[in-house]
Amino acid sequence: MPSSSSAGSLPQGFIPVMLTPFQETGAVDYPALAQLVDFYLEAGAAGLFANCLSSEMYELTEEERLEVTQFVVTQTAGRVPVVATGTFGGPIAQQAEFVKRIYQTGIQAVIVITGLIADEDESDAVFLERMHQLIDLTDGIPLGFYECPVPYKRLINTEILNELLPTGRLIYHKDTCLDDQEVAHRIAAGAGYQFGLYDAYMVNAVSSLRAGAAGLSCIQGNEFPELIVWLCNNFDQTDKQPDIDRVQQFFVDCMDLVHSAYPIIAKYTLQKRGLPISLYTRRDVGQLTPELQRDMDALIETASELQASLGIETVSAGKLVG
């Protein structure tokens, strides 16, 4: 497993954005969630991001958000740290109360959705004022940022980081700016702090890791986590440059497909890999058409061949504790 970068920070490596398995009735499928946790960990995940957009967090009730997060913490049993979203709009005092509630589940940091602190037409000054308020109201709880595309994507520039990092409260940033030069600036801003940038954009995975990113937090980890862990562990190995290029190109080539009808397509991939997960989703994300299934079947085969050529062991559902 990857080692922790420093005391109080999150481990370096792959932190997947977790799915939520549902029964066909629409209820959360906790036995499947238990196996999913073990699947990520068996693949080499350094941590887990529960109750995120991939988890269909907006379609969970407030109590389900707490229950799912608590279940993940319990199932993980201290093997890796867990983070989870804790802000869902409304007055900052109200958001702060839920931050404190979800932190009590045992997670290491509470993730702030940047687009729910200030509206799209509000300035960075307003965002900063409210973040300082949230920090003041949350009793030293470690926080992170998620530039979530829903309700809108609010990017966190280096000026914002330069003001907030000295509070010592920010330890995680799920970056979605899609700009490798901006990522490098943000990483530089975080130097010297217990702060880790985890890039969500697999096209820039290698460049971000080489710039000093703590790791990757991407949706492709719900389909091919072994390859992402391999990149996190080998990006700086000059003798493996041709293989690094092959893995990076694999993720560039499949970018459009893995985002189609997501997260249904990810659940389909996990089904094909032997996990007992339903395709049921609460979000309206379009249809998993026969064409998409055919293309994903081919991609799964390509990934399997790539892993075999690199000597990467594929996680078997039969090895999971459940």
Foldseek 3Di string as FASTA:
>chain_A
DADQPDPLFFAFAEAEADAFFADPVRHTDLVLVLLRLLQLVVLPHQEYEYLDVNNVNVLDDLVVQLVSLLSSCVSCVPVHAYEYEQADADQLLVSLVSLQVSVVSPHQEYEYEQCRQDPPPDDVVSSLVSVVVSCVSNDLGAYEYEQDPPVHGDAQALVNLLVPQVVLRYREYADDPLDLVRLLSNQVSCPPGNHAYAYAQLLCQLSNVVSPGSYHYYNCCLAQVNLRRVCSVPSPPPVCVVLNVVSSVLCVVCVVLPLQLPPLLSQVNVVVLPRPGDSDDPDPRDDCDPVSVVVVVVSSVVSVVSCVVVVGDNDHSVPGPD
